[in-house]
Amino acid sequence: MTNELSVKRVSLSLAIVTGVISIVCAILIAIAPQFTIKFFGAIFHGIDITQIEKTMTLGSAITGVIAAIIVALVAGWLFAKIYNSIES
């Protein structure tokens, strides 16, 4: 019995989760920029991400969400392909 992953399901699931997280992040930056910058700065170990607040526009937020979804689709596809190719 094999436990193969559905490449399509994994790719789409990861893309949807990534899209939701990206949209929530953009909304948080729009409504609570200082909190969001501090929160994500802590996650990224103190990297200065203050420029995000200053340069984010609706267009860049939409572009970012789309780019993140595309990267997640590819990553999910690749993950499932590699997982399925590894024999146990």
N, C-alpha and C. Protein backbone atom coordinates (compact mmCIF):
# COMPACT_ATOMS: atom_id res chain seq x y z
N MET A 1 0.84 -1.19 0.00
CA MET A 1 0.00 0.00 0.00
C MET A 1 0.88 1.25 0.00
N THR A 2 0.62 2.14 -0.89
CA THR A 2 1.40 3.38 -0.95
C THR A 2 0.57 4.53 -0.39
N ASN A 3 1.26 5.48 0.13
CA ASN A 3 0.62 6.67 0.68
C ASN A 3 1.00 7.87 -0.17
N GLU A 4 0.61 7.85 -1.43
CA GLU A 4 0.95 8.96 -2.32
C GLU A 4 0.05 10.16 -2.04
N LEU A 5 0.66 11.30 -2.16
CA LEU A 5 -0.08 12.55 -2.03
C LEU A 5 -0.64 12.95 -3.38
N SER A 6 -1.80 13.57 -3.37
CA SER A 6 -2.34 14.15 -4.59
C SER A 6 -1.60 15.46 -4.86
N VAL A 7 -0.87 15.50 -5.95
CA VAL A 7 -0.09 16.69 -6.28
C VAL A 7 -1.00 17.90 -6.40
N LYS A 8 -2.13 17.73 -7.02
CA LYS A 8 -3.08 18.84 -7.22
C LYS A 8 -3.63 19.33 -5.87
N ARG A 9 -4.01 18.41 -4.99
CA ARG A 9 -4.56 18.81 -3.69
C ARG A 9 -3.53 19.51 -2.82
N VAL A 10 -2.32 18.98 -2.80
CA VAL A 10 -1.27 19.61 -1.99
C VAL A 10 -0.96 21.01 -2.53
N SER A 11 -0.80 21.13 -3.83
CA SER A 11 -0.48 22.43 -4.44
C SER A 11 -1.57 23.45 -4.16
N LEU A 12 -2.82 23.08 -4.39
CA LEU A 12 -3.92 24.01 -4.18
C LEU A 12 -4.10 24.35 -2.71
N SER A 13 -3.95 23.35 -1.83
CA SER A 13 -4.08 23.61 -0.40
C SER A 13 -3.04 24.61 0.09
N LEU A 14 -1.79 24.40 -0.30
CA LEU A 14 -0.74 25.31 0.10
C LEU A 14 -0.95 26.71 -0.49
N ALA A 15 -1.41 26.77 -1.73
CA ALA A 15 -1.66 28.07 -2.36
C ALA A 15 -2.78 28.82 -1.66
N ILE A 16 -3.84 28.12 -1.27
CA ILE A 16 -4.96 28.76 -0.59
C ILE A 16 -4.53 29.28 0.79
N VAL A 17 -3.83 28.44 1.54
CA VAL A 17 -3.35 28.86 2.87
C VAL A 17 -2.42 30.06 2.74
N THR A 18 -1.51 30.01 1.79
CA THR A 18 -0.58 31.11 1.58
C THR A 18 -1.32 32.39 1.18
N GLY A 19 -2.30 32.26 0.31
CA GLY A 19 -3.09 33.43 -0.10
C GLY A 19 -3.83 34.06 1.06
N VAL A 20 -4.43 33.23 1.90
CA VAL A 20 -5.15 33.75 3.07
C VAL A 20 -4.19 34.46 4.03
N ILE A 21 -3.06 33.83 4.31
CA ILE A 21 -2.08 34.45 5.21
C ILE A 21 -1.58 35.77 4.62
N SER A 22 -1.32 35.81 3.33
CA SER A 22 -0.83 37.02 2.68
C SER A 22 -1.87 38.14 2.74
N ILE A 23 -3.13 37.80 2.52
CA ILE A 23 -4.21 38.80 2.58
C ILE A 23 -4.36 39.33 4.00
N VAL A 24 -4.33 38.43 4.98
CA VAL A 24 -4.44 38.85 6.39
C VAL A 24 -3.27 39.77 6.75
N CYS A 25 -2.08 39.42 6.30
CA CYS A 25 -0.90 40.25 6.56
C CYS A 25 -1.09 41.65 5.98
N ALA A 26 -1.54 41.73 4.74
CA ALA A 26 -1.74 43.03 4.09
C ALA A 26 -2.79 43.85 4.83
N ILE A 27 -3.87 43.19 5.27
CA ILE A 27 -4.91 43.90 6.02
C ILE A 27 -4.36 44.41 7.35
N LEU A 28 -3.59 43.56 8.03
CA LEU A 28 -3.00 43.98 9.31
C LEU A 28 -2.07 45.17 9.14
N ILE A 29 -1.28 45.18 8.08
CA ILE A 29 -0.39 46.33 7.84
C ILE A 29 -1.21 47.58 7.58
N ALA A 30 -2.35 47.43 6.90
CA ALA A 30 -3.20 48.59 6.61
C ALA A 30 -3.88 49.14 7.86
N ILE A 31 -4.31 48.24 8.78
CA ILE A 31 -5.08 48.73 9.93
C ILE A 31 -4.26 48.88 11.21
N ALA A 32 -3.16 48.15 11.33
CA ALA A 32 -2.33 48.23 12.54
C ALA A 32 -0.86 48.08 12.16
N PRO A 33 -0.33 49.07 11.45
CA PRO A 33 1.02 48.93 10.90
C PRO A 33 2.11 48.73 11.94
N GLN A 34 2.10 49.49 13.01
CA GLN A 34 3.17 49.38 14.00
C GLN A 34 3.18 48.00 14.66
N PHE A 35 2.03 47.51 15.07
CA PHE A 35 1.93 46.18 15.67
C PHE A 35 2.41 45.11 14.69
N THR A 36 1.94 45.21 13.45
CA THR A 36 2.28 44.19 12.45
C THR A 36 3.77 44.18 12.16
N ILE A 37 4.37 45.35 12.03
CA ILE A 37 5.80 45.44 11.77
C ILE A 37 6.60 44.86 12.94
N LYS A 38 6.19 45.16 14.17
CA LYS A 38 6.88 44.60 15.34
C LYS A 38 6.71 43.09 15.40
N PHE A 39 5.50 42.62 15.14
CA PHE A 39 5.20 41.19 15.19
C PHE A 39 6.05 40.42 14.18
N PHE A 40 6.03 40.85 12.92
CA PHE A 40 6.79 40.15 11.89
C PHE A 40 8.29 40.39 12.03
N GLY A 41 8.68 41.54 12.59
CA GLY A 41 10.09 41.76 12.89
C GLY A 41 10.61 40.73 13.88
N ALA A 42 9.78 40.38 14.86
CA ALA A 42 10.16 39.36 15.83
C ALA A 42 10.27 37.99 15.16
N ILE A 43 9.34 37.69 14.27
CA ILE A 43 9.39 36.41 13.56
C ILE A 43 10.65 36.31 12.71
N PHE A 44 11.03 37.41 12.08
CA PHE A 44 12.21 37.42 11.21
C PHE A 44 13.47 37.80 11.97
N HIS A 45 13.50 37.58 13.27
CA HIS A 45 14.67 37.74 14.12
C HIS A 45 15.28 39.14 14.06
N GLY A 46 14.42 40.14 14.06
CA GLY A 46 14.91 41.50 14.15
C GLY A 46 15.30 42.16 12.85
N ILE A 47 15.07 41.51 11.71
CA ILE A 47 15.37 42.14 10.43
C ILE A 47 14.51 43.39 10.28
N ASP A 48 15.09 44.47 9.81
CA ASP A 48 14.36 45.73 9.65
C ASP A 48 13.39 45.63 8.47
N ILE A 49 12.12 45.51 8.78
CA ILE A 49 11.11 45.42 7.72
C ILE A 49 10.21 46.67 7.72
N THR A 50 10.70 47.75 8.30
CA THR A 50 9.90 48.97 8.40
C THR A 50 9.57 49.59 7.05
N GLN A 51 10.35 49.30 6.02
CA GLN A 51 10.09 49.86 4.70
C GLN A 51 8.80 49.33 4.09
N ILE A 52 8.36 48.16 4.54
CA ILE A 52 7.13 47.56 4.01
C ILE A 52 5.96 48.50 4.25
N GLU A 53 5.86 49.01 5.46
CA GLU A 53 4.76 49.91 5.80
C GLU A 53 4.76 51.16 4.93
N LYS A 54 5.96 51.67 4.62
CA LYS A 54 6.09 52.92 3.87
C LYS A 54 5.82 52.74 2.38
N THR A 55 6.06 51.54 1.86
CA THR A 55 5.97 51.35 0.41
C THR A 55 4.76 50.53 -0.03
N MET A 56 4.00 49.97 0.90
CA MET A 56 2.88 49.14 0.50
C MET A 56 1.72 49.97 -0.04
N THR A 57 1.27 49.58 -1.21
CA THR A 57 0.09 50.16 -1.82
C THR A 57 -0.89 49.02 -2.10
N LEU A 58 -2.08 49.35 -2.50
CA LEU A 58 -3.05 48.31 -2.85
C LEU A 58 -2.51 47.45 -3.99
N GLY A 59 -1.89 48.10 -4.96
CA GLY A 59 -1.33 47.37 -6.10
C GLY A 59 -0.21 46.43 -5.69
N SER A 60 0.69 46.91 -4.82
CA SER A 60 1.78 46.04 -4.39
C SER A 60 1.27 44.91 -3.50
N ALA A 61 0.22 45.17 -2.74
CA ALA A 61 -0.36 44.11 -1.91
C ALA A 61 -0.98 43.02 -2.78
N ILE A 62 -1.70 43.43 -3.81
CA ILE A 62 -2.32 42.46 -4.72
C ILE A 62 -1.25 41.67 -5.47
N THR A 63 -0.22 42.38 -5.95
CA THR A 63 0.89 41.70 -6.63
C THR A 63 1.58 40.71 -5.69
N GLY A 64 1.77 41.10 -4.45
CA GLY A 64 2.40 40.22 -3.47
C GLY A 64 1.58 38.97 -3.20
N VAL A 65 0.27 39.13 -3.08
CA VAL A 65 -0.61 37.97 -2.86
C VAL A 65 -0.53 37.02 -4.05
N ILE A 66 -0.60 37.56 -5.24
CA ILE A 66 -0.54 36.73 -6.45
C ILE A 66 0.81 36.01 -6.54
N ALA A 67 1.88 36.74 -6.29
CA ALA A 67 3.22 36.12 -6.34
C ALA A 67 3.35 35.02 -5.30
N ALA A 68 2.85 35.27 -4.09
CA ALA A 68 2.93 34.26 -3.02
C ALA A 68 2.14 33.01 -3.39
N ILE A 69 0.98 33.20 -4.00
CA ILE A 69 0.16 32.06 -4.41
C ILE A 69 0.88 31.24 -5.49
N ILE A 70 1.49 31.92 -6.44
CA ILE A 70 2.22 31.20 -7.51
C ILE A 70 3.39 30.42 -6.93
N VAL A 71 4.15 31.04 -6.04
CA VAL A 71 5.28 30.34 -5.41
C VAL A 71 4.77 29.14 -4.61
N ALA A 72 3.65 29.30 -3.90
CA ALA A 72 3.09 28.20 -3.11
C ALA A 72 2.60 27.06 -4.00
N LEU A 73 2.02 27.39 -5.14
CA LEU A 73 1.60 26.34 -6.08
C LEU A 73 2.79 25.51 -6.53
N VAL A 74 3.86 26.19 -6.90
CA VAL A 74 5.06 25.49 -7.34
C VAL A 74 5.67 24.69 -6.19
N ALA A 75 5.75 25.29 -5.01
CA ALA A 75 6.33 24.60 -3.86
C ALA A 75 5.49 23.37 -3.48
N GLY A 76 4.17 23.50 -3.49
CA GLY A 76 3.30 22.37 -3.18
C GLY A 76 3.43 21.26 -4.20
N TRP A 77 3.50 21.63 -5.46
CA TRP A 77 3.67 20.63 -6.53
C TRP A 77 5.00 19.90 -6.35
N LEU A 78 6.07 20.67 -6.13
CA LEU A 78 7.39 20.07 -5.96
C LEU A 78 7.45 19.18 -4.71
N PHE A 79 6.88 19.66 -3.61
CA PHE A 79 6.86 18.87 -2.38
C PHE A 79 6.17 17.53 -2.61
N ALA A 80 4.98 17.56 -3.21
CA ALA A 80 4.22 16.32 -3.43
C ALA A 80 4.97 15.39 -4.38
N LYS A 81 5.58 15.94 -5.44
CA LYS A 81 6.34 15.12 -6.38
C LYS A 81 7.52 14.44 -5.68
N ILE A 82 8.25 15.19 -4.89
CA ILE A 82 9.39 14.62 -4.18
C ILE A 82 8.92 13.59 -3.16
N TYR A 83 7.89 13.91 -2.39
CA TYR A 83 7.34 12.99 -1.42
C TYR A 83 6.95 11.66 -2.07
N ASN A 84 6.23 11.77 -3.19
CA ASN A 84 5.78 10.57 -3.89
C ASN A 84 6.92 9.77 -4.51
N SER A 85 8.04 10.43 -4.78
CA SER A 85 9.16 9.71 -5.41
C SER A 85 10.07 9.01 -4.40
N ILE A 86 9.92 9.37 -3.13
CA ILE A 86 10.76 8.74 -2.10
C ILE A 86 10.11 7.43 -1.69
N GLU A 87 10.88 6.38 -1.86
CA GLU A 87 10.37 5.06 -1.49
C GLU A 87 10.73 4.76 -0.04
N SER A 88 9.79 4.18 0.66
CA SER A 88 10.08 3.85 2.05
C SER A 88 10.47 2.41 2.23
